[in-house]
Every structure is written in C-alpha cells, then in structure tokens.
Amino acid sequence: MIEYKKVFIDTAPVVYFLQGNELYFEKTRNILRNLRKMGITLISSDITIAEYLVMPYRENNLLLTNALERFIRLAEIKIIHTSENIARNAARIRAEYKGFKAIDAFQLATALESDCDLFLTNDKQLRQFSGITCLTIDDYYLNNI
C-alpha cells in the first residue's frame, strides 16, 4: 500500500458518497473511511462545493445541501479557495493538457498548491497528469484497500 499524507477529493467521489451512487457508494465510503482511519488529511476546494450543489439547488433539495456541509465538517475536509496562483497554474495545466476542462485544471492546481500526494477522482482522463498521482475510485480501491 502506498503511503499518502494529503489526498485531494475531487467532486465525483463526493457526489457518489452523498447521493448514494449505486455503483460507487460502497467503494467511496470504504476509501474515505480508510483514509480517515490512517489520519490522512483530506483536501477539496470551493470548486467541489460549487459543482456538487448544482443539482441540490436545482431540485431545491435541502437534505442534499445540508449533507455536504455535514460531510465536510465530519470528515474534516479542508476546503481550499481558489487564488490567483491557482488560476495561473490551472492555465499552465490546460496549456499542457489540451483536453482538460478548466474546472479539472483548477482542481488539479488546487491539489498541487496544497501539496497533496494523491488526487482521487473518477475522471480517467486525469490519470495522464504527471504533476500528482491521479487515481479513479476503482484504481484506488483495487490497489489500496
């Protein structure tokens, strides 16, 4: 098992966990539980909050809105806010990885700025990024649990 000190949690694992995704809820729950047990610092960003809240706001679902706040607090996830430096690094990432979306580049730049060892996502395309180890939920689950 690889040792991680800080893990960036991308939006997809948050959505899967909080909305009980049929395919990924159990895996995500087990991963998050194990990371917390090992004392690993969990990091995410204000972009994760913005991406996650679209559907709960659209559906006026207060339970899912409140679930995010509880999740961040109980899992002790440190939320990093975007900055000019993160924006510049996101632009550099997009310049090098032409197929990356701006939102993904911001997430990756935030993980780098936070000195994360791992970027946990479910976007297979991001595995090609060389600045940080990027694993999908399935990759992580198969190799670390």
C-alpha atoms as a PDB file:
ATOM      1  CA  MET A   1       0.000   0.000   0.000  1.00  0.00           C
ATOM      2  CA  ILE A   2       1.250   3.459  -0.912  1.00  0.00           C
ATOM      3  CA  GLU A   3       1.549   5.992   1.897  1.00  0.00           C
ATOM      4  CA  TYR A   4      -0.252   9.276   1.396  1.00  0.00           C
ATOM      5  CA  LYS A   5      -0.238  12.276   3.707  1.00  0.00           C
ATOM      6  CA  LYS A   6      -2.714  14.527   1.883  1.00  0.00           C
ATOM      7  CA  VAL A   7      -5.413  13.409  -0.512  1.00  0.00           C
ATOM      8  CA  PHE A   8      -7.416  15.751  -2.706  1.00  0.00           C
ATOM      9  CA  ILE A   9     -11.022  14.621  -3.095  1.00  0.00           C
ATOM     10  CA  ASP A  10     -12.447  15.600  -6.499  1.00  0.00           C
ATOM     11  CA  THR A  11     -16.160  16.263  -6.965  1.00  0.00           C
ATOM     12  CA  ALA A  12     -17.235  12.834  -8.267  1.00  0.00           C
ATOM     13  CA  PRO A  13     -16.354  10.896  -5.078  1.00  0.00           C
ATOM     14  CA  VAL A  14     -18.258  13.486  -3.028  1.00  0.00           C
ATOM     15  CA  VAL A  15     -21.321  13.151  -5.258  1.00  0.00           C
ATOM     16  CA  TYR A  16     -21.143   9.350  -5.214  1.00  0.00           C
ATOM     17  CA  PHE A  17     -20.916   9.241  -1.437  1.00  0.00           C
ATOM     18  CA  LEU A  18     -23.528  11.853  -0.578  1.00  0.00           C
ATOM     19  CA  GLN A  19     -26.052  10.805  -3.201  1.00  0.00           C
ATOM     20  CA  GLY A  20     -25.636   7.066  -2.629  1.00  0.00           C
ATOM     21  CA  ASN A  21     -24.463   6.221  -6.151  1.00  0.00           C
ATOM     22  CA  GLU A  22     -25.385   2.614  -6.886  1.00  0.00           C
ATOM     23  CA  LEU A  23     -22.018   1.708  -8.429  1.00  0.00           C
ATOM     24  CA  TYR A  24     -19.615   3.727  -6.288  1.00  0.00           C
ATOM     25  CA  PHE A  25     -21.149   4.485  -2.893  1.00  0.00           C
ATOM     26  CA  GLU A  26     -19.667   1.468  -1.073  1.00  0.00           C
ATOM     27  CA  LYS A  27     -16.220   1.859  -2.612  1.00  0.00           C
ATOM     28  CA  THR A  28     -16.145   5.577  -1.909  1.00  0.00           C
ATOM     29  CA  ARG A  29     -17.326   5.073   1.663  1.00  0.00           C
ATOM     30  CA  ASN A  30     -14.638   2.453   2.275  1.00  0.00           C
ATOM     31  CA  ILE A  31     -11.922   4.619   0.768  1.00  0.00           C
ATOM     32  CA  LEU A  32     -12.910   7.663   2.818  1.00  0.00           C
ATOM     33  CA  ARG A  33     -13.203   5.586   5.976  1.00  0.00           C
ATOM     34  CA  ASN A  34      -9.740   4.092   5.464  1.00  0.00           C
ATOM     35  CA  LEU A  35      -8.151   7.438   4.663  1.00  0.00           C
ATOM     36  CA  ARG A  36      -9.611   8.944   7.847  1.00  0.00           C
ATOM     37  CA  LYS A  37      -8.527   5.912   9.924  1.00  0.00           C
ATOM     38  CA  MET A  38      -4.967   6.350   8.682  1.00  0.00           C
ATOM     39  CA  GLY A  39      -5.010  10.005   9.709  1.00  0.00           C
ATOM     40  CA  ILE A  40      -4.609  11.282   6.178  1.00  0.00           C
ATOM     41  CA  THR A  41      -5.518  14.921   5.615  1.00  0.00           C
ATOM     42  CA  LEU A  42      -8.423  15.278   3.206  1.00  0.00           C
ATOM     43  CA  ILE A  43      -8.470  18.332   0.966  1.00  0.00           C
ATOM     44  CA  SER A  44     -11.010  19.640  -1.517  1.00  0.00           C
ATOM     45  CA  SER A  45     -11.901  23.021  -2.943  1.00  0.00           C
ATOM     46  CA  ASP A  46     -14.620  25.585  -3.254  1.00  0.00           C
ATOM     47  CA  ILE A  47     -14.980  24.313  -6.824  1.00  0.00           C
ATOM     48  CA  THR A  48     -16.126  20.949  -5.447  1.00  0.00           C
ATOM     49  CA  ILE A  49     -18.751  22.781  -3.420  1.00  0.00           C
ATOM     50  CA  ALA A  50     -19.944  24.720  -6.478  1.00  0.00           C
ATOM     51  CA  GLU A  51     -20.083  21.616  -8.672  1.00  0.00           C
ATOM     52  CA  TYR A  52     -21.825  19.462  -6.059  1.00  0.00           C
ATOM     53  CA  LEU A  53     -24.517  21.993  -5.147  1.00  0.00           C
ATOM     54  CA  VAL A  54     -25.888  22.489  -8.676  1.00  0.00           C
ATOM     55  CA  MET A  55     -28.303  19.550  -8.546  1.00  0.00           C
ATOM     56  CA  PRO A  56     -29.451  20.072  -4.922  1.00  0.00           C
ATOM     57  CA  TYR A  57     -30.132  23.756  -5.675  1.00  0.00           C
ATOM     58  CA  ARG A  58     -31.857  22.936  -8.963  1.00  0.00           C
ATOM     59  CA  GLU A  59     -34.106  20.445  -7.186  1.00  0.00           C
ATOM     60  CA  ASN A  60     -34.408  22.605  -4.062  1.00  0.00           C
ATOM     61  CA  ASN A  61     -33.177  19.604  -2.068  1.00  0.00           C
ATOM     62  CA  LEU A  62     -32.233  20.950   1.339  1.00  0.00           C
ATOM     63  CA  LEU A  63     -31.256  17.485   2.591  1.00  0.00           C
ATOM     64  CA  LEU A  64     -28.505  17.137  -0.022  1.00  0.00           C
ATOM     65  CA  THR A  65     -27.406  20.725   0.522  1.00  0.00           C
ATOM     66  CA  ASN A  66     -27.077  20.141   4.266  1.00  0.00           C
ATOM     67  CA  ALA A  67     -25.436  16.756   3.665  1.00  0.00           C
ATOM     68  CA  LEU A  68     -22.492  18.463   2.007  1.00  0.00           C
ATOM     69  CA  GLU A  69     -21.943  20.778   4.964  1.00  0.00           C
ATOM     70  CA  ARG A  70     -22.116  17.858   7.429  1.00  0.00           C
ATOM     71  CA  PHE A  71     -19.811  15.749   5.265  1.00  0.00           C
ATOM     72  CA  ILE A  72     -17.146  18.461   5.084  1.00  0.00           C
ATOM     73  CA  ARG A  73     -17.340  19.026   8.835  1.00  0.00           C
ATOM     74  CA  LEU A  74     -17.456  15.387   9.960  1.00  0.00           C
ATOM     75  CA  ALA A  75     -14.818  14.141   7.518  1.00  0.00           C
ATOM     76  CA  GLU A  76     -12.689  17.156   8.475  1.00  0.00           C
ATOM     77  CA  ILE A  77     -12.118  18.060   4.834  1.00  0.00           C
ATOM     78  CA  LYS A  78     -10.054  21.196   4.443  1.00  0.00           C
ATOM     79  CA  ILE A  79     -11.564  23.406   1.736  1.00  0.00           C
ATOM     80  CA  ILE A  80      -9.028  25.376  -0.277  1.00  0.00           C
ATOM     81  CA  HIS A  81     -10.220  28.533  -2.005  1.00  0.00           C
ATOM     82  CA  THR A  82      -9.063  29.457  -5.470  1.00  0.00           C
ATOM     83  CA  SER A  83      -6.432  32.133  -5.796  1.00  0.00           C
ATOM     84  CA  GLU A  84      -4.556  33.966  -8.486  1.00  0.00           C
ATOM     85  CA  ASN A  85      -1.691  31.468  -8.183  1.00  0.00           C
ATOM     86  CA  ILE A  86      -4.077  28.521  -8.556  1.00  0.00           C
ATOM     87  CA  ALA A  87      -5.646  30.213 -11.610  1.00  0.00           C
ATOM     88  CA  ARG A  88      -2.232  30.677 -13.220  1.00  0.00           C
ATOM     89  CA  ASN A  89      -1.300  27.060 -12.562  1.00  0.00           C
ATOM     90  CA  ALA A  90      -4.648  25.890 -13.914  1.00  0.00           C
ATOM     91  CA  ALA A  91      -3.903  27.798 -17.125  1.00  0.00           C
ATOM     92  CA  ARG A  92      -0.482  26.115 -17.343  1.00  0.00           C
ATOM     93  CA  ILE A  93      -2.114  22.714 -16.888  1.00  0.00           C
ATOM     94  CA  ARG A  94      -4.649  23.425 -19.645  1.00  0.00           C
ATOM     95  CA  ALA A  95      -1.873  24.651 -21.921  1.00  0.00           C
ATOM     96  CA  GLU A  96      -0.021  21.363 -21.494  1.00  0.00           C
ATOM     97  CA  TYR A  97      -3.034  19.017 -21.388  1.00  0.00           C
ATOM     98  CA  LYS A  98      -5.225  20.323 -24.166  1.00  0.00           C
ATOM     99  CA  GLY A  99      -8.201  18.051 -23.485  1.00  0.00           C
ATOM    100  CA  PHE A 100      -8.573  19.057 -19.832  1.00  0.00           C
ATOM    101  CA  LYS A 101     -11.568  21.162 -18.834  1.00  0.00           C
ATOM    102  CA  ALA A 102     -10.953  24.389 -16.950  1.00  0.00           C
ATOM    103  CA  ILE A 103     -12.712  23.065 -13.849  1.00  0.00           C
ATOM    104  CA  ASP A 104     -10.465  19.967 -13.780  1.00  0.00           C
ATOM    105  CA  ALA A 105      -7.350  22.103 -14.237  1.00  0.00           C
ATOM    106  CA  PHE A 106      -8.446  24.259 -11.290  1.00  0.00           C
ATOM    107  CA  GLN A 107      -8.953  21.164  -9.144  1.00  0.00           C
ATOM    108  CA  LEU A 108      -5.530  19.781 -10.095  1.00  0.00           C
ATOM    109  CA  ALA A 109      -3.863  23.145  -9.499  1.00  0.00           C
ATOM    110  CA  THR A 110      -5.524  23.342  -6.080  1.00  0.00           C
ATOM    111  CA  ALA A 111      -4.243  19.862  -5.207  1.00  0.00           C
ATOM    112  CA  LEU A 112      -0.723  20.885  -6.237  1.00  0.00           C
ATOM    113  CA  GLU A 113      -0.934  24.154  -4.299  1.00  0.00           C
ATOM    114  CA  SER A 114      -1.997  22.124  -1.230  1.00  0.00           C
ATOM    115  CA  ASP A 115       0.925  19.678  -1.560  1.00  0.00           C
ATOM    116  CA  CYS A 116      -1.394  16.692  -1.974  1.00  0.00           C
ATOM    117  CA  ASP A 117       0.134  13.282  -2.662  1.00  0.00           C
ATOM    118  CA  LEU A 118      -2.949  11.900  -4.400  1.00  0.00           C
ATOM    119  CA  PHE A 119      -5.843  13.211  -6.456  1.00  0.00           C
ATOM    120  CA  LEU A 120      -8.894  10.942  -6.017  1.00  0.00           C
ATOM    121  CA  THR A 121     -11.283  11.331  -8.930  1.00  0.00           C
ATOM    122  CA  ASN A 122     -13.355   9.269 -11.266  1.00  0.00           C
ATOM    123  CA  ASP A 123     -12.214  11.043 -14.411  1.00  0.00           C
ATOM    124  CA  LYS A 124      -9.965   8.553 -16.215  1.00  0.00           C
ATOM    125  CA  GLN A 125      -8.555  11.279 -18.457  1.00  0.00           C
ATOM    126  CA  LEU A 126      -6.896  12.948 -15.468  1.00  0.00           C
ATOM    127  CA  ARG A 127      -4.681   9.894 -14.863  1.00  0.00           C
ATOM    128  CA  GLN A 128      -2.389  11.212 -17.615  1.00  0.00           C
ATOM    129  CA  PHE A 129      -1.499  14.269 -15.499  1.00  0.00           C
ATOM    130  CA  SER A 130       2.107  13.966 -14.350  1.00  0.00           C
ATOM    131  CA  GLY A 131       2.089  16.574 -11.567  1.00  0.00           C
ATOM    132  CA  ILE A 132       0.392  14.357  -8.985  1.00  0.00           C
ATOM    133  CA  THR A 133      -0.767  10.758  -8.779  1.00  0.00           C
ATOM    134  CA  CYS A 134      -4.358  10.713 -10.042  1.00  0.00           C
ATOM    135  CA  LEU A 135      -6.422   7.625  -9.361  1.00  0.00           C
ATOM    136  CA  THR A 136     -10.009   6.770 -10.098  1.00  0.00           C
ATOM    137  CA  ILE A 137     -12.080   5.204  -7.360  1.00  0.00           C
ATOM    138  CA  ASP A 138     -11.671   1.773  -8.965  1.00  0.00           C
ATOM    139  CA  ASP A 139      -7.884   2.249  -9.311  1.00  0.00           C
ATOM    140  CA  TYR A 140      -7.537   3.230  -5.682  1.00  0.00           C
ATOM    141  CA  TYR A 141      -9.894   0.573  -4.405  1.00  0.00           C
ATOM    142  CA  LEU A 142      -8.132  -2.243  -6.250  1.00  0.00           C
ATOM    143  CA  ASN A 143      -4.627  -1.150  -5.266  1.00  0.00           C
ATOM    144  CA  ASN A 144      -5.010   0.169  -1.736  1.00  0.00           C
ATOM    145  CA  ILE A 145      -7.962  -1.361   0.090  1.00  0.00           C
END
